[in-house]
Amino acid sequence: MPRKGGSRSKTDTTYLKAFPLRAREELPKIKDDISNQTIIILRVTPLAQKNVEELKEAIEELYDFTTSIGGDIARLGEERVVVTPPGVKIWRGLV
């Protein structure tokens, strides 16, 4: 949908990426993507199978970062987490 005063430009585009989270070392790239208006769906099973404590720390770090910039984060079932940039909220109503 176009913004007020003109058409949608390339910088207004929001992308969605889905990939596995294998290590905490991937968090800076994920944070960069979120800051650049990308919605991320993370499959957390690979890191959970390797180290549950590291997964908890990674999710906590992502939560702190995402809420600090006005984004949103939520679990999608047992294996996935969705992280959104500012301006994109996750609906948590009953289905």
C-alpha atoms as a PDB file:
ATOM      1  CA  MET A   1       0.000   0.000   0.000  1.00  0.00           C
ATOM      2  CA  PRO A   2       1.442   3.380  -0.938  1.00  0.00           C
ATOM      3  CA  ARG A   3       2.439   5.814   1.762  1.00  0.00           C
ATOM      4  CA  LYS A   4       0.866   9.259   1.989  1.00  0.00           C
ATOM      5  CA  GLY A   5       2.246  11.606  -0.585  1.00  0.00           C
ATOM      6  CA  GLY A   6       3.548   9.101  -3.114  1.00  0.00           C
ATOM      7  CA  SER A   7       4.250   5.569  -4.148  1.00  0.00           C
ATOM      8  CA  ARG A   8       6.102   2.954  -2.177  1.00  0.00           C
ATOM      9  CA  SER A   9       9.872   3.165  -2.643  1.00  0.00           C
ATOM     10  CA  LYS A  10      12.470   0.395  -2.409  1.00  0.00           C
ATOM     11  CA  THR A  11      13.410   1.497   1.100  1.00  0.00           C
ATOM     12  CA  ASP A  12       9.806   0.907   2.209  1.00  0.00           C
ATOM     13  CA  THR A  13       9.984  -2.782   1.292  1.00  0.00           C
ATOM     14  CA  THR A  14       9.766  -5.288   4.132  1.00  0.00           C
ATOM     15  CA  TYR A  15      11.284  -8.705   3.535  1.00  0.00           C
ATOM     16  CA  LEU A  16      10.753 -11.988   5.350  1.00  0.00           C
ATOM     17  CA  LYS A  17      13.613 -14.433   5.924  1.00  0.00           C
ATOM     18  CA  ALA A  18      13.400 -17.922   7.389  1.00  0.00           C
ATOM     19  CA  PHE A  19      16.451 -19.884   8.471  1.00  0.00           C
ATOM     20  CA  PRO A  20      17.814 -22.073  11.295  1.00  0.00           C
ATOM     21  CA  LEU A  21      19.563 -20.618  14.332  1.00  0.00           C
ATOM     22  CA  ARG A  22      22.687 -22.706  14.867  1.00  0.00           C
ATOM     23  CA  ALA A  23      24.802 -20.466  17.133  1.00  0.00           C
ATOM     24  CA  ARG A  24      24.719 -17.208  19.093  1.00  0.00           C
ATOM     25  CA  GLU A  25      27.351 -15.874  16.709  1.00  0.00           C
ATOM     26  CA  GLU A  26      24.532 -15.435  14.158  1.00  0.00           C
ATOM     27  CA  LEU A  27      22.740 -12.866  16.350  1.00  0.00           C
ATOM     28  CA  PRO A  28      24.540  -9.733  15.040  1.00  0.00           C
ATOM     29  CA  LYS A  29      23.411 -10.536  11.473  1.00  0.00           C
ATOM     30  CA  ILE A  30      19.859 -11.233  12.690  1.00  0.00           C
ATOM     31  CA  LYS A  31      19.787  -7.931  14.592  1.00  0.00           C
ATOM     32  CA  ASP A  32      21.073  -6.128  11.502  1.00  0.00           C
ATOM     33  CA  ASP A  33      18.325  -7.692   9.373  1.00  0.00           C
ATOM     34  CA  ILE A  34      15.651  -6.681  11.891  1.00  0.00           C
ATOM     35  CA  SER A  35      17.025  -3.133  11.988  1.00  0.00           C
ATOM     36  CA  ASN A  36      16.744  -3.097   8.185  1.00  0.00           C
ATOM     37  CA  GLN A  37      13.003  -3.901   8.266  1.00  0.00           C
ATOM     38  CA  THR A  38      13.267  -7.660   7.735  1.00  0.00           C
ATOM     39  CA  ILE A  39      10.889 -10.059   9.464  1.00  0.00           C
ATOM     40  CA  ILE A  40      12.777 -13.143  10.657  1.00  0.00           C
ATOM     41  CA  ILE A  41      11.430 -16.642  11.265  1.00  0.00           C
ATOM     42  CA  LEU A  42      14.031 -18.656  13.158  1.00  0.00           C
ATOM     43  CA  ARG A  43      13.983 -22.408  13.454  1.00  0.00           C
ATOM     44  CA  VAL A  44      15.552 -22.855  16.884  1.00  0.00           C
ATOM     45  CA  THR A  45      15.798 -26.666  16.909  1.00  0.00           C
ATOM     46  CA  PRO A  46      19.442 -26.823  15.691  1.00  0.00           C
ATOM     47  CA  LEU A  47      20.692 -24.704  18.608  1.00  0.00           C
ATOM     48  CA  ALA A  48      18.312 -26.385  21.074  1.00  0.00           C
ATOM     49  CA  GLN A  49      19.744 -29.793  20.171  1.00  0.00           C
ATOM     50  CA  LYS A  50      23.267 -28.479  20.668  1.00  0.00           C
ATOM     51  CA  ASN A  51      22.879 -26.395  23.842  1.00  0.00           C
ATOM     52  CA  VAL A  52      19.565 -25.459  25.503  1.00  0.00           C
ATOM     53  CA  GLU A  53      21.189 -22.880  27.801  1.00  0.00           C
ATOM     54  CA  GLU A  54      22.797 -21.120  24.830  1.00  0.00           C
ATOM     55  CA  LEU A  55      19.403 -21.071  23.102  1.00  0.00           C
ATOM     56  CA  LYS A  56      17.765 -19.464  26.155  1.00  0.00           C
ATOM     57  CA  GLU A  57      20.478 -16.800  26.266  1.00  0.00           C
ATOM     58  CA  ALA A  58      20.158 -16.146  22.526  1.00  0.00           C
ATOM     59  CA  ILE A  59      16.375 -15.741  22.728  1.00  0.00           C
ATOM     60  CA  GLU A  60      16.705 -13.449  25.745  1.00  0.00           C
ATOM     61  CA  GLU A  61      19.245 -11.316  23.867  1.00  0.00           C
ATOM     62  CA  LEU A  62      16.960 -11.143  20.824  1.00  0.00           C
ATOM     63  CA  TYR A  63      13.987 -10.256  23.046  1.00  0.00           C
ATOM     64  CA  ASP A  64      15.895  -7.425  24.735  1.00  0.00           C
ATOM     65  CA  PHE A  65      17.127  -6.061  21.411  1.00  0.00           C
ATOM     66  CA  THR A  66      13.786  -6.337  19.635  1.00  0.00           C
ATOM     67  CA  THR A  67      11.774  -4.668  22.380  1.00  0.00           C
ATOM     68  CA  SER A  68      14.376  -1.897  22.709  1.00  0.00           C
ATOM     69  CA  ILE A  69      13.908  -0.900  19.054  1.00  0.00           C
ATOM     70  CA  GLY A  70      10.113  -1.217  19.119  1.00  0.00           C
ATOM     71  CA  GLY A  71       9.896  -4.542  17.307  1.00  0.00           C
ATOM     72  CA  ASP A  72       8.097  -7.698  18.409  1.00  0.00           C
ATOM     73  CA  ILE A  73       9.021 -11.326  19.081  1.00  0.00           C
ATOM     74  CA  ALA A  74       6.896 -14.431  19.616  1.00  0.00           C
ATOM     75  CA  ARG A  75       7.070 -18.181  19.538  1.00  0.00           C
ATOM     76  CA  LEU A  76       5.527 -20.071  16.619  1.00  0.00           C
ATOM     77  CA  GLY A  77       4.941 -23.558  17.966  1.00  0.00           C
ATOM     78  CA  GLU A  78       7.739 -25.674  19.389  1.00  0.00           C
ATOM     79  CA  GLU A  79      10.424 -25.060  16.782  1.00  0.00           C
ATOM     80  CA  ARG A  80      10.146 -21.480  15.555  1.00  0.00           C
ATOM     81  CA  VAL A  81      10.370 -17.881  16.734  1.00  0.00           C
ATOM     82  CA  VAL A  82       9.251 -14.875  14.689  1.00  0.00           C
ATOM     83  CA  VAL A  83      11.001 -11.535  15.159  1.00  0.00           C
ATOM     84  CA  THR A  84       9.645  -8.345  13.607  1.00  0.00           C
ATOM     85  CA  PRO A  85      11.074  -4.867  13.051  1.00  0.00           C
ATOM     86  CA  PRO A  86       9.528  -1.668  14.414  1.00  0.00           C
ATOM     87  CA  GLY A  87       6.075  -1.029  12.985  1.00  0.00           C
ATOM     88  CA  VAL A  88       5.184  -4.717  12.649  1.00  0.00           C
ATOM     89  CA  LYS A  89       3.277  -6.229  15.568  1.00  0.00           C
ATOM     90  CA  ILE A  90       2.388  -9.880  16.122  1.00  0.00           C
ATOM     91  CA  TRP A  91      -1.278 -10.592  16.784  1.00  0.00           C
ATOM     92  CA  ARG A  92      -1.665 -12.768  19.882  1.00  0.00           C
ATOM     93  CA  GLY A  93      -5.437 -13.253  19.880  1.00  0.00           C
ATOM     94  CA  LEU A  94      -7.242 -16.551  20.148  1.00  0.00           C
ATOM     95  CA  VAL A  95      -7.763 -18.488  16.950  1.00  0.00           C
END
